[in-house]
Amino acid sequence: MADKPPRSLLPLLTGILLVLLLLWAVIFPLQAYLSGRAKAEKVFSQALLVIEKRALKSYTPEELLPFAMGGLVIGLKDPHADYIDAATYRRLLDFSRGMIVGIGVHVEKRGGQILISSVLPASPAEKAGLRAGDRILEVDSKDISTAPIEDISSAIHGQEGTKLRMLVLRNGKKLSVVVTRARIHMPPATYTDYRHGIGCLRVAYFPEGVAKETAELLRGKRFGALIVDLRDNPGGDLQEGVRFADLFLSEGVILKTLSRADGERTYRATKAASDILCPLALVVNSGTASAAEFVAAALSVQRKAPIIGEKTFGKGTVIETYPLADGSAITITTAEYLTPDGQHIEGKGLQPTVRAFGDPLEAALSILEKK
């Protein structure tokens, strides 16, 4: 009969066995993943080499890369995924810093259509009559309906003082609009004393730092109630949207996100002495999108603030941009927003609690005066 191992060794042997099982469970899937990735890279390199050597027209790898990247993001079947060339990405960074040369529109590809999702106040686009929701058909007489979004962005931007002709579709009618490009400075938040002790906070977008800027902007202002104007706000940074909403909340859920990487994540308000807890009214329109929508939803649910205006755009996903080694970038959808009461925004938008057919600011003023 074989000798049994001493009892003192049993925990050690059991531990070694568990470690080996764990390594087996981790290493084999990792090897399979790395093997699959190496195979994909090898096939891509082979295809690139064939095109370089045998294609009728000569191409460099740098020329072929944007086509390959474009195909990669199309294959995701993600309506918000895109490849952004280096020049366009630099302009987007300028936009996030509040300074661009252009016409003052935010453009998005949705359902195969190129839409103006928001128009900046007092911009050349607004002065020329362009509106959120307009579908762009042509730019300078060129059909852009199938063009990548970065090509459209490049066509819209240009030299300061030059003119741009756009053909747009609005309510079934084609409109030709001429816009003069200009240098546009976009402060993310502005404040005015509206009337009767009621202030109006206009938030154009949510770049990094906007929550801090807003807190400083409102410090020392005397108002008994506040209109938060989110019209034509295309959204921006998720964390900044959360921080902005937290300025007006002392407790409760601001936002929930669902993602493959992190599962369900909940963002909650934190109590602070500087919380702005006066009565609020929110003004939105069809150009209110993304982070601006979840901010409106959070303040509506947690503060019972009325939403006044039109149904919002309905972009309820987290779109993240990842810079690449050559200065270009890709954007992909990484998560979906849920409102504090569990409602989806994507493709649905927010319905106003008060639909304003006239001036929504006047409607907001009327409501707050009664509180």
Protein backbone atom coordinates (compact mmCIF):
# COMPACT_ATOMS: atom_id res chain seq x y z
CA MET A 1 0.00 0.00 0.00
CA ALA A 2 1.33 3.41 -0.97
CA ASP A 3 2.18 5.81 1.79
CA LYS A 4 -0.27 8.71 2.22
CA PRO A 5 1.17 12.25 2.16
CA PRO A 6 1.49 13.83 5.59
CA ARG A 7 -1.56 15.83 6.63
CA SER A 8 0.60 18.96 6.93
CA LEU A 9 1.26 18.84 3.16
CA LEU A 10 -2.40 18.57 2.11
CA PRO A 11 -3.16 22.34 2.22
CA LEU A 12 0.03 23.04 0.22
CA LEU A 13 -0.81 20.41 -2.43
CA THR A 14 -4.38 21.63 -2.62
CA GLY A 15 -3.13 25.20 -3.12
CA ILE A 16 -0.73 24.12 -5.88
CA LEU A 17 -3.53 22.23 -7.63
CA LEU A 18 -5.82 25.27 -7.49
CA VAL A 19 -3.09 27.51 -8.90
CA LEU A 20 -2.49 25.08 -11.76
CA LEU A 21 -6.22 24.94 -12.53
CA LEU A 22 -6.40 28.75 -12.45
CA LEU A 23 -3.40 29.06 -14.80
CA TRP A 24 -4.99 26.54 -17.17
CA ALA A 25 -8.26 28.49 -17.15
CA VAL A 26 -6.47 31.78 -17.91
CA ILE A 27 -3.57 30.81 -20.17
CA PHE A 28 -5.47 28.74 -22.71
CA PRO A 29 -8.11 31.41 -23.53
CA LEU A 30 -5.33 34.04 -23.60
CA GLN A 31 -3.29 31.93 -26.02
CA ALA A 32 -6.37 31.48 -28.22
CA TYR A 33 -7.02 35.24 -28.20
CA LEU A 34 -3.41 36.11 -29.01
CA SER A 35 -3.34 33.48 -31.72
CA GLY A 36 -6.51 34.93 -33.28
CA ARG A 37 -5.14 38.44 -33.14
CA ALA A 38 -1.81 37.38 -34.66
CA LYS A 39 -3.69 35.62 -37.46
CA ALA A 40 -5.77 38.75 -38.18
CA GLU A 41 -2.63 40.92 -38.26
CA LYS A 42 -0.91 38.45 -40.60
CA VAL A 43 -3.87 38.40 -43.01
CA PHE A 44 -4.03 42.21 -43.01
CA SER A 45 -0.29 42.47 -43.70
CA GLN A 46 -0.60 39.98 -46.57
CA ALA A 47 -3.47 41.93 -48.14
CA LEU A 48 -1.55 45.19 -47.76
CA LEU A 49 1.50 43.66 -49.45
CA VAL A 50 -0.56 42.29 -52.36
CA ILE A 51 -2.15 45.70 -52.99
CA GLU A 52 1.20 47.49 -52.77
CA LYS A 53 2.87 45.14 -55.26
CA ARG A 54 0.09 44.14 -57.67
CA ALA A 55 -2.66 46.79 -57.75
CA LEU A 56 -2.96 48.70 -61.03
CA LYS A 57 -2.73 52.03 -59.19
CA SER A 58 0.15 52.63 -56.81
CA TYR A 59 -0.74 53.14 -53.13
CA THR A 60 1.40 53.71 -50.05
CA PRO A 61 0.48 52.12 -46.70
CA GLU A 62 -0.31 55.63 -45.38
CA GLU A 63 -2.84 56.11 -48.21
CA LEU A 64 -4.47 52.73 -47.60
CA LEU A 65 -4.72 53.05 -43.82
CA PRO A 66 -7.79 55.36 -43.73
CA PHE A 67 -9.70 52.91 -45.99
CA ALA A 68 -8.81 50.00 -43.74
CA MET A 69 -9.73 51.91 -40.59
CA GLY A 70 -13.01 53.04 -42.15
CA GLY A 71 -13.89 49.45 -42.98
CA LEU A 72 -12.98 48.36 -39.47
CA VAL A 73 -15.41 50.74 -37.79
CA ILE A 74 -18.16 50.04 -40.37
CA GLY A 75 -17.88 46.38 -39.45
CA LEU A 76 -18.77 47.21 -35.84
CA LYS A 77 -22.34 48.11 -36.95
CA ASP A 78 -22.09 50.91 -34.40
CA PRO A 79 -23.91 54.00 -35.74
CA HIS A 80 -21.63 56.29 -33.71
CA ALA A 81 -18.31 54.56 -34.48
CA ASP A 82 -15.98 56.46 -36.78
CA TYR A 83 -12.40 56.87 -37.90
CA ILE A 84 -11.15 60.48 -37.64
CA ASP A 85 -8.12 61.58 -39.62
CA ALA A 86 -5.40 63.61 -37.92
CA ALA A 87 -6.44 67.01 -39.31
CA THR A 88 -10.08 66.53 -38.32
CA TYR A 89 -9.07 65.29 -34.87
CA ARG A 90 -7.01 68.46 -34.32
CA ARG A 91 -10.11 70.53 -35.16
CA LEU A 92 -12.17 68.50 -32.70
CA LEU A 93 -9.59 69.21 -30.01
CA ASP A 94 -9.83 72.93 -30.86
CA PHE A 95 -13.60 72.63 -30.54
CA SER A 96 -13.24 71.09 -27.08
CA ARG A 97 -11.02 74.04 -26.08
CA GLY A 98 -13.66 76.49 -27.25
CA MET A 99 -12.02 77.88 -30.41
CA ILE A 100 -12.73 76.88 -34.02
CA VAL A 101 -12.91 78.31 -37.53
CA GLY A 102 -16.11 77.15 -39.13
CA ILE A 103 -19.82 77.86 -39.25
CA GLY A 104 -20.87 76.73 -35.78
CA VAL A 105 -22.68 73.42 -36.28
CA HIS A 106 -22.29 69.99 -34.74
CA VAL A 107 -22.74 67.30 -37.40
CA GLU A 108 -23.57 63.63 -36.85
CA LYS A 109 -24.14 60.61 -39.08
CA ARG A 110 -27.27 58.78 -38.05
CA GLY A 111 -29.11 56.04 -39.89
CA GLY A 112 -27.00 56.72 -42.98
CA GLN A 113 -27.99 60.41 -42.97
CA ILE A 114 -25.83 63.45 -42.22
CA LEU A 115 -27.70 65.58 -39.68
CA ILE A 116 -27.03 68.89 -37.97
CA SER A 117 -27.52 67.90 -34.34
CA SER A 118 -26.95 71.39 -32.92
CA VAL A 119 -26.32 74.98 -33.98
CA LEU A 120 -24.25 77.32 -31.80
CA PRO A 121 -25.97 80.55 -30.71
CA ALA A 122 -24.94 83.68 -32.66
CA SER A 123 -22.88 81.54 -35.03
CA PRO A 124 -22.68 82.04 -38.82
CA ALA A 125 -24.88 78.94 -39.20
CA GLU A 126 -27.60 80.37 -36.95
CA LYS A 127 -27.46 83.72 -38.74
CA ALA A 128 -27.81 81.93 -42.09
CA GLY A 129 -30.91 80.07 -40.88
CA LEU A 130 -29.56 76.55 -40.37
CA ARG A 131 -31.33 74.52 -37.68
CA ALA A 132 -30.78 71.39 -35.61
CA GLY A 133 -32.36 68.48 -37.45
CA ASP A 134 -31.50 69.75 -40.94
CA ARG A 135 -30.25 66.93 -43.15
CA ILE A 136 -27.18 67.91 -45.18
CA LEU A 137 -27.36 66.76 -48.81
CA GLU A 138 -24.58 68.76 -50.47
CA VAL A 139 -21.61 70.89 -49.48
CA ASP A 140 -20.36 73.25 -52.22
CA SER A 141 -22.41 71.31 -54.81
CA LYS A 142 -20.84 67.97 -53.83
CA ASP A 143 -23.03 65.07 -52.73
CA ILE A 144 -21.88 64.11 -49.24
CA SER A 145 -24.60 61.58 -48.41
CA THR A 146 -22.13 58.65 -48.42
CA ALA A 147 -19.01 60.54 -47.33
CA PRO A 148 -17.21 59.72 -44.05
CA ILE A 149 -17.98 62.18 -41.26
CA GLU A 150 -14.38 63.45 -41.20
CA ASP A 151 -14.62 64.41 -44.89
CA ILE A 152 -17.80 66.35 -44.19
CA SER A 153 -16.18 68.08 -41.23
CA SER A 154 -13.19 69.01 -43.40
CA ALA A 155 -15.51 70.41 -46.08
CA ILE A 156 -17.43 72.53 -43.58
CA HIS A 157 -14.33 73.94 -41.90
CA GLY A 158 -11.93 76.11 -43.86
CA GLN A 159 -10.35 79.52 -44.07
CA GLU A 160 -11.85 82.36 -42.09
CA GLY A 161 -13.98 84.63 -44.31
CA THR A 162 -14.60 82.09 -47.08
CA LYS A 163 -18.14 81.16 -48.13
CA LEU A 164 -19.78 77.75 -47.94
CA ARG A 165 -22.90 76.71 -49.86
CA MET A 166 -25.00 73.93 -48.32
CA LEU A 167 -28.06 72.10 -49.59
CA VAL A 168 -30.18 70.83 -46.71
CA LEU A 169 -33.46 68.98 -46.39
CA ARG A 170 -35.97 70.33 -43.85
CA ASN A 171 -39.52 69.03 -43.48
CA GLY A 172 -39.36 67.51 -46.95
CA LYS A 173 -38.15 70.72 -48.63
CA LYS A 174 -34.70 71.38 -50.06
CA LEU A 175 -33.07 74.65 -48.99
CA SER A 176 -29.87 76.22 -50.33
CA VAL A 177 -27.97 78.15 -47.66
CA VAL A 178 -24.79 80.23 -47.99
CA VAL A 179 -22.69 80.61 -44.83
CA THR A 180 -19.49 82.60 -44.26
CA ARG A 181 -16.89 80.81 -42.15
CA ALA A 182 -15.64 82.69 -39.10
CA ARG A 183 -13.49 82.22 -36.02
CA ILE A 184 -15.85 81.16 -33.28
CA HIS A 185 -15.14 81.38 -29.57
CA MET A 186 -17.52 79.24 -27.57
CA PRO A 187 -17.69 79.88 -23.84
CA PRO A 188 -19.34 76.73 -22.51
CA ALA A 189 -21.57 78.57 -20.02
CA THR A 190 -22.98 82.10 -19.81
CA TYR A 191 -25.29 83.74 -17.28
CA THR A 192 -27.80 86.58 -17.55
CA ASP A 193 -30.20 88.10 -15.05
CA TYR A 194 -33.42 87.33 -16.87
CA ARG A 195 -36.29 89.04 -15.03
CA HIS A 196 -37.99 89.26 -11.64
CA GLY A 197 -35.07 87.76 -9.72
CA ILE A 198 -34.83 84.77 -12.05
CA GLY A 199 -31.48 83.95 -13.69
CA CYS A 200 -30.78 82.17 -16.95
CA LEU A 201 -27.80 79.85 -17.32
CA ARG A 202 -27.01 78.99 -20.94
CA VAL A 203 -24.83 75.86 -21.35
CA ALA A 204 -23.55 75.37 -24.91
CA TYR A 205 -21.71 72.07 -24.36
CA PHE A 206 -19.93 70.05 -21.66
CA PRO A 207 -16.14 70.25 -22.14
CA GLU A 208 -13.68 69.43 -19.38
CA GLY A 209 -13.89 72.03 -16.61
CA VAL A 210 -17.38 73.34 -17.35
CA ALA A 211 -18.75 72.37 -13.92
CA LYS A 212 -16.03 74.37 -12.15
CA GLU A 213 -16.53 77.31 -14.53
CA THR A 214 -20.27 77.24 -13.90
CA ALA A 215 -19.82 77.22 -10.13
CA GLU A 216 -17.51 80.26 -10.39
CA LEU A 217 -19.88 81.95 -12.85
CA LEU A 218 -22.84 81.63 -10.47
CA ARG A 219 -20.92 82.48 -7.31
CA GLY A 220 -22.18 85.78 -5.91
CA LYS A 221 -25.13 85.98 -8.31
CA ARG A 222 -28.47 86.75 -6.70
CA PHE A 223 -31.38 84.77 -8.10
CA GLY A 224 -34.36 83.13 -6.48
CA ALA A 225 -34.83 80.62 -9.31
CA LEU A 226 -32.80 79.55 -12.34
CA ILE A 227 -33.54 78.63 -15.94
CA VAL A 228 -31.01 76.12 -17.29
CA ASP A 229 -30.98 76.51 -21.07
CA LEU A 230 -29.67 73.35 -22.77
CA ARG A 231 -30.95 74.06 -26.27
CA ASP A 232 -28.60 72.94 -29.07
CA ASN A 233 -26.20 71.47 -26.51
CA PRO A 234 -24.61 68.43 -28.24
CA GLY A 235 -23.28 66.98 -24.98
CA GLY A 236 -19.60 66.42 -24.24
CA ASP A 237 -17.66 64.77 -21.44
CA LEU A 238 -19.65 62.30 -19.33
CA GLN A 239 -17.83 63.10 -16.08
CA GLU A 240 -18.37 66.84 -16.62
CA GLY A 241 -22.06 66.25 -17.20
CA VAL A 242 -22.22 64.36 -13.91
CA ARG A 243 -20.29 67.12 -12.07
CA PHE A 244 -22.53 69.78 -13.60
CA ALA A 245 -25.72 68.02 -12.48
CA ASP A 246 -24.16 67.54 -9.03
CA LEU A 247 -23.99 71.35 -8.63
CA PHE A 248 -27.79 71.31 -8.33
CA LEU A 249 -28.23 68.10 -6.32
CA SER A 250 -27.38 67.11 -2.76
CA GLU A 251 -28.37 63.46 -3.05
CA GLY A 252 -29.74 60.82 -5.39
CA VAL A 253 -28.78 59.07 -8.61
CA ILE A 254 -27.60 61.27 -11.48
CA LEU A 255 -26.99 58.62 -14.10
CA LYS A 256 -26.61 54.91 -14.73
CA THR A 257 -24.51 53.42 -17.51
CA LEU A 258 -24.51 49.92 -18.96
CA SER A 259 -21.37 48.60 -20.66
CA ARG A 260 -19.72 45.33 -21.62
CA ALA A 261 -16.56 46.30 -19.75
CA ASP A 262 -18.03 47.58 -16.47
CA GLY A 263 -21.59 46.23 -16.35
CA GLU A 264 -23.99 48.64 -14.64
CA ARG A 265 -22.43 51.69 -13.03
CA THR A 266 -24.26 54.29 -10.95
CA TYR A 267 -23.23 57.93 -10.55
CA ARG A 268 -24.61 59.64 -7.44
CA ALA A 269 -24.79 63.22 -6.23
CA THR A 270 -22.65 64.34 -3.32
CA LYS A 271 -23.77 66.86 -0.72
CA ALA A 272 -21.85 70.14 -0.58
CA ALA A 273 -22.36 73.53 1.05
CA SER A 274 -22.21 75.14 -2.40
CA ASP A 275 -25.13 73.11 -3.83
CA ILE A 276 -27.56 75.35 -5.77
CA LEU A 277 -30.96 74.23 -4.55
CA CYS A 278 -33.24 77.02 -5.79
CA PRO A 279 -36.22 76.17 -8.08
CA LEU A 280 -35.11 75.14 -11.58
CA ALA A 281 -36.62 74.96 -15.04
CA LEU A 282 -34.92 73.22 -17.96
CA VAL A 283 -35.21 74.40 -21.56
CA VAL A 284 -34.44 71.89 -24.34
CA ASN A 285 -34.98 71.35 -28.06
CA SER A 286 -34.24 68.79 -30.78
CA GLY A 287 -30.55 69.77 -30.63
CA THR A 288 -30.22 68.81 -26.95
CA ALA A 289 -28.23 65.57 -27.04
CA SER A 290 -26.15 63.05 -25.10
CA ALA A 291 -24.76 64.45 -21.81
CA ALA A 292 -27.20 67.38 -22.01
CA GLU A 293 -30.05 64.87 -22.11
CA PHE A 294 -28.97 62.92 -19.04
CA VAL A 295 -28.37 66.18 -17.14
CA ALA A 296 -31.92 67.28 -17.99
CA ALA A 297 -33.28 63.87 -16.99
CA ALA A 298 -31.41 63.86 -13.67
CA LEU A 299 -32.60 67.33 -12.66
CA SER A 300 -36.13 66.53 -13.79
CA VAL A 301 -36.31 63.29 -11.80
CA GLN A 302 -34.44 64.37 -8.67
CA ARG A 303 -35.48 68.03 -8.45
CA LYS A 304 -38.88 67.79 -10.19
CA ALA A 305 -37.65 70.53 -12.53
CA PRO A 306 -39.98 70.91 -15.51
CA ILE A 307 -38.52 70.21 -18.98
CA ILE A 308 -39.77 72.89 -21.37
CA GLY A 309 -39.53 72.98 -25.14
CA GLU A 310 -39.33 70.12 -27.66
CA LYS A 311 -38.42 66.44 -27.65
CA THR A 312 -34.64 66.07 -27.40
CA PHE A 313 -32.33 64.45 -29.95
CA GLY A 314 -32.15 60.95 -28.43
CA LYS A 315 -28.43 60.19 -28.20
CA GLY A 316 -28.21 58.08 -25.08
CA THR A 317 -24.84 56.40 -25.47
CA VAL A 318 -21.32 57.01 -24.23
CA ILE A 319 -19.10 57.73 -27.24
CA GLU A 320 -15.40 57.60 -26.41
CA THR A 321 -12.57 58.87 -28.60
CA TYR A 322 -9.22 57.08 -28.60
CA PRO A 323 -6.19 58.83 -30.16
CA LEU A 324 -3.91 56.72 -32.37
CA ALA A 325 -0.16 56.85 -32.97
CA ASP A 326 -0.34 58.91 -36.20
CA GLY A 327 -2.51 61.67 -34.70
CA SER A 328 -5.77 60.20 -35.96
CA ALA A 329 -8.42 58.69 -33.67
CA ILE A 330 -11.35 56.30 -33.53
CA THR A 331 -14.64 56.81 -31.75
CA ILE A 332 -16.72 53.88 -30.52
CA THR A 333 -19.79 53.39 -28.37
CA THR A 334 -18.72 52.00 -25.00
CA ALA A 335 -21.85 52.27 -22.87
CA GLU A 336 -25.51 53.27 -22.80
CA TYR A 337 -27.11 55.90 -20.57
CA LEU A 338 -30.04 55.19 -18.28
CA THR A 339 -31.90 57.99 -16.51
CA PRO A 340 -32.20 57.81 -12.70
CA ASP A 341 -35.60 56.13 -13.08
CA GLY A 342 -34.18 53.54 -15.52
CA GLN A 343 -35.35 55.01 -18.85
CA HIS A 344 -33.38 54.60 -22.08
CA ILE A 345 -32.59 57.77 -24.05
CA GLU A 346 -31.02 56.29 -27.20
CA GLY A 347 -33.31 56.73 -30.20
CA LYS A 348 -36.13 58.03 -27.99
CA GLY A 349 -35.03 61.33 -26.49
CA LEU A 350 -36.78 63.09 -23.60
CA GLN A 351 -40.33 64.31 -23.92
CA PRO A 352 -40.87 67.79 -22.47
CA THR A 353 -43.20 68.08 -19.51
CA VAL A 354 -44.30 71.42 -20.99
CA ARG A 355 -44.31 71.77 -24.78
CA ALA A 356 -43.56 75.41 -25.64
CA PHE A 357 -44.98 76.67 -28.92
CA GLY A 358 -43.73 80.20 -28.39
CA ASP A 359 -40.59 81.38 -26.58
CA PRO A 360 -39.59 78.55 -24.18
CA LEU A 361 -37.68 80.99 -21.95
CA GLU A 362 -40.90 82.94 -21.39
CA ALA A 363 -42.71 79.70 -20.61
CA ALA A 364 -39.98 78.79 -18.10
CA LEU A 365 -40.18 82.26 -16.54
CA SER A 366 -43.94 81.95 -16.16
CA ILE A 367 -43.61 78.58 -14.40
CA LEU A 368 -40.87 79.73 -12.01
CA GLU A 369 -42.73 82.92 -11.10
CA LYS A 370 -45.49 80.77 -9.65
CA LYS A 371 -43.11 78.87 -7.35
